[in-house]
């Protein structure tokens, strides 16, 4: 079975990236690594110290930009 991940840049992204993975774990690893990379970028470019609560909120916002689904192979 194959898996499709749709990765948007923001909630209004008209052309999100669509990726196909052969394995469930590859797809989920991609999502978690990409969320980590995006949050790390925000942290590195923030002029303020961030609390754990703010980091959790950032992660949650980024996770909402990804959709994950199975693709039936016919």
N, C-alpha and C. Protein backbone atom coordinates (compact mmCIF):
# COMPACT_ATOMS: atom_id res chain seq x y z
N UNK A 1 0.84 -1.18 0.00
CA UNK A 1 0.00 0.00 0.00
C UNK A 1 0.88 1.24 0.00
N UNK A 2 0.44 2.26 -0.69
CA UNK A 2 1.17 3.53 -0.75
C UNK A 2 0.44 4.57 0.09
N UNK A 3 1.18 5.62 0.44
CA UNK A 3 0.64 6.67 1.30
C UNK A 3 0.91 8.03 0.67
N UNK A 4 -0.08 8.90 0.78
CA UNK A 4 0.03 10.25 0.22
C UNK A 4 0.09 11.26 1.36
N UNK A 5 1.06 12.17 1.26
CA UNK A 5 1.19 13.26 2.21
C UNK A 5 1.05 14.56 1.42
N UNK A 6 0.17 15.42 1.89
CA UNK A 6 0.00 16.74 1.29
C UNK A 6 0.54 17.74 2.31
N UNK A 7 1.56 18.50 1.88
CA UNK A 7 2.25 19.44 2.78
C UNK A 7 2.02 20.86 2.29
N UNK A 8 1.28 21.63 3.07
CA UNK A 8 1.01 23.02 2.73
C UNK A 8 1.98 23.93 3.48
N UNK A 9 2.24 25.08 2.90
CA UNK A 9 3.10 26.07 3.55
C UNK A 9 2.31 26.85 4.60
N UNK A 10 1.06 27.17 4.28
CA UNK A 10 0.16 27.79 5.24
C UNK A 10 -1.27 27.35 4.92
N UNK A 11 -2.22 27.80 5.69
CA UNK A 11 -3.59 27.31 5.53
C UNK A 11 -4.24 27.73 4.22
N UNK A 12 -3.68 28.75 3.55
CA UNK A 12 -4.25 29.21 2.29
C UNK A 12 -3.38 28.84 1.09
N UNK A 13 -2.49 27.89 1.25
CA UNK A 13 -1.59 27.47 0.19
C UNK A 13 -2.40 26.91 -0.99
N UNK A 14 -2.36 27.56 -2.17
CA UNK A 14 -3.15 27.08 -3.30
C UNK A 14 -2.52 25.89 -4.02
N UNK A 15 -1.24 25.64 -3.75
CA UNK A 15 -0.53 24.58 -4.47
C UNK A 15 0.35 23.80 -3.50
N UNK A 16 -0.25 23.03 -2.59
CA UNK A 16 0.58 22.29 -1.63
C UNK A 16 1.37 21.18 -2.30
N UNK A 17 2.47 20.82 -1.68
CA UNK A 17 3.31 19.74 -2.19
C UNK A 17 2.65 18.40 -1.89
N UNK A 18 2.60 17.53 -2.90
CA UNK A 18 2.02 16.20 -2.75
C UNK A 18 3.14 15.19 -2.90
N UNK A 19 3.31 14.35 -1.89
CA UNK A 19 4.37 13.34 -1.90
C UNK A 19 3.76 11.96 -1.72
N UNK A 20 4.33 10.98 -2.40
CA UNK A 20 3.87 9.60 -2.31
C UNK A 20 4.98 8.77 -1.68
N UNK A 21 4.60 7.96 -0.69
CA UNK A 21 5.56 7.11 0.02
C UNK A 21 5.11 5.66 -0.08
N UNK A 22 6.08 4.75 -0.12
CA UNK A 22 5.79 3.33 -0.19
C UNK A 22 5.48 2.73 1.17
N UNK A 23 5.87 3.42 2.22
CA UNK A 23 5.77 2.86 3.56
C UNK A 23 5.14 3.87 4.51
N UNK A 24 4.30 3.37 5.40
CA UNK A 24 3.64 4.22 6.40
C UNK A 24 4.67 4.98 7.25
N UNK A 25 5.73 4.28 7.64
CA UNK A 25 6.74 4.89 8.51
C UNK A 25 7.53 5.98 7.79
N UNK A 26 7.78 5.80 6.51
CA UNK A 26 8.47 6.84 5.75
C UNK A 26 7.64 8.12 5.70
N UNK A 27 6.35 7.95 5.47
CA UNK A 27 5.45 9.10 5.39
C UNK A 27 5.35 9.81 6.73
N UNK A 28 5.17 9.07 7.80
CA UNK A 28 5.06 9.71 9.11
C UNK A 28 6.39 10.33 9.55
N UNK A 29 7.51 9.68 9.22
CA UNK A 29 8.82 10.27 9.53
C UNK A 29 9.01 11.58 8.79
N UNK A 30 8.59 11.62 7.52
CA UNK A 30 8.71 12.86 6.76
C UNK A 30 7.94 13.98 7.43
N UNK A 31 6.71 13.69 7.85
CA UNK A 31 5.88 14.72 8.48
C UNK A 31 6.54 15.24 9.76
N UNK A 32 6.97 14.34 10.63
CA UNK A 32 7.56 14.78 11.89
C UNK A 32 8.88 15.52 11.68
N UNK A 33 9.68 15.09 10.72
CA UNK A 33 10.94 15.80 10.44
C UNK A 33 10.69 17.18 9.86
N UNK A 34 9.69 17.28 8.99
CA UNK A 34 9.37 18.57 8.37
C UNK A 34 8.78 19.53 9.42
N UNK A 35 7.93 19.02 10.29
CA UNK A 35 7.38 19.87 11.37
C UNK A 35 8.52 20.35 12.26
N UNK A 36 9.42 19.46 12.61
CA UNK A 36 10.58 19.84 13.44
C UNK A 36 11.41 20.92 12.74
N UNK A 37 11.67 20.74 11.45
CA UNK A 37 12.47 21.70 10.70
C UNK A 37 11.79 23.08 10.66
N UNK A 38 10.48 23.09 10.44
CA UNK A 38 9.75 24.36 10.37
C UNK A 38 9.72 25.07 11.72
N UNK A 39 9.51 24.32 12.79
CA UNK A 39 9.48 24.92 14.12
C UNK A 39 10.88 25.43 14.49
N UNK A 40 11.89 24.65 14.19
CA UNK A 40 13.27 25.07 14.47
C UNK A 40 13.60 26.37 13.75
N UNK A 41 13.15 26.50 12.53
CA UNK A 41 13.38 27.74 11.77
C UNK A 41 12.74 28.93 12.50
N UNK A 42 11.52 28.75 12.96
CA UNK A 42 10.83 29.83 13.68
C UNK A 42 11.56 30.18 14.97
N UNK A 43 12.04 29.18 15.68
CA UNK A 43 12.75 29.40 16.94
C UNK A 43 14.05 30.15 16.68
N UNK A 44 14.79 29.72 15.67
CA UNK A 44 16.07 30.36 15.36
C UNK A 44 15.92 31.80 14.91
N UNK A 45 14.79 32.15 14.33
CA UNK A 45 14.58 33.50 13.82
C UNK A 45 13.70 34.37 14.72
N UNK A 46 13.36 33.85 15.88
CA UNK A 46 12.55 34.62 16.82
C UNK A 46 13.46 35.49 17.69
N UNK A 47 13.12 36.76 17.85
CA UNK A 47 13.92 37.62 18.71
C UNK A 47 13.62 37.40 20.20
N UNK A 48 12.64 36.57 20.50
CA UNK A 48 12.20 36.35 21.87
C UNK A 48 12.48 34.92 22.32
N UNK A 49 12.58 34.73 23.60
CA UNK A 49 12.64 33.39 24.16
C UNK A 49 11.24 32.82 24.12
N UNK A 50 11.14 31.56 23.80
CA UNK A 50 9.83 30.92 23.69
C UNK A 50 9.63 29.92 24.81
N UNK A 51 8.41 29.87 25.30
CA UNK A 51 8.08 28.91 26.35
C UNK A 51 7.75 27.55 25.73
N UNK A 52 7.71 26.53 26.54
CA UNK A 52 7.33 25.20 26.07
C UNK A 52 5.92 25.22 25.50
N UNK A 53 5.05 25.99 26.12
CA UNK A 53 3.67 26.10 25.65
C UNK A 53 3.62 26.71 24.25
N UNK A 54 4.43 27.74 24.02
CA UNK A 54 4.48 28.36 22.70
C UNK A 54 5.04 27.40 21.65
N UNK A 55 6.05 26.62 22.03
CA UNK A 55 6.61 25.63 21.11
C UNK A 55 5.57 24.56 20.76
N UNK A 56 4.82 24.11 21.76
CA UNK A 56 3.76 23.13 21.52
C UNK A 56 2.71 23.70 20.56
N UNK A 57 2.38 24.96 20.75
CA UNK A 57 1.41 25.61 19.87
C UNK A 57 1.94 25.69 18.44
N UNK A 58 3.21 26.01 18.28
CA UNK A 58 3.83 26.05 16.95
C UNK A 58 3.77 24.68 16.29
N UNK A 59 4.11 23.64 17.04
CA UNK A 59 4.08 22.28 16.50
C UNK A 59 2.66 21.90 16.06
N UNK A 60 1.70 22.25 16.89
CA UNK A 60 0.31 21.95 16.57
C UNK A 60 -0.13 22.67 15.29
N UNK A 61 0.24 23.93 15.16
CA UNK A 61 -0.10 24.69 13.96
C UNK A 61 0.52 24.08 12.72
N UNK A 62 1.77 23.68 12.82
CA UNK A 62 2.45 23.07 11.68
C UNK A 62 1.84 21.71 11.33
N UNK A 63 1.49 20.92 12.32
CA UNK A 63 0.90 19.60 12.06
C UNK A 63 -0.42 19.74 11.29
N UNK A 64 -1.14 20.82 11.53
CA UNK A 64 -2.43 21.03 10.85
C UNK A 64 -2.25 21.28 9.35
N UNK A 65 -1.04 21.55 8.92
CA UNK A 65 -0.78 21.84 7.51
C UNK A 65 -0.48 20.59 6.69
N UNK A 66 -0.51 19.44 7.33
CA UNK A 66 -0.22 18.18 6.66
C UNK A 66 -1.46 17.28 6.67
N UNK A 67 -1.69 16.60 5.55
CA UNK A 67 -2.69 15.55 5.51
C UNK A 67 -2.00 14.26 5.08
N UNK A 68 -2.49 13.17 5.61
CA UNK A 68 -1.87 11.86 5.43
C UNK A 68 -2.98 10.89 5.08
N UNK A 69 -2.83 10.16 3.97
CA UNK A 69 -3.87 9.21 3.59
C UNK A 69 -3.27 8.01 2.87
N UNK A 70 -4.02 6.91 2.90
CA UNK A 70 -3.63 5.70 2.18
C UNK A 70 -4.12 5.81 0.74
N UNK A 71 -3.34 5.24 -0.16
CA UNK A 71 -3.74 5.18 -1.56
C UNK A 71 -3.98 3.72 -1.91
N UNK A 72 -5.17 3.43 -2.37
CA UNK A 72 -5.48 2.05 -2.79
C UNK A 72 -4.80 1.77 -4.11
N UNK A 73 -4.10 0.66 -4.15
CA UNK A 73 -3.43 0.25 -5.38
C UNK A 73 -4.33 -0.76 -6.09
N UNK A 74 -4.72 -0.39 -7.28
CA UNK A 74 -5.59 -1.29 -8.08
C UNK A 74 -4.80 -1.96 -9.16
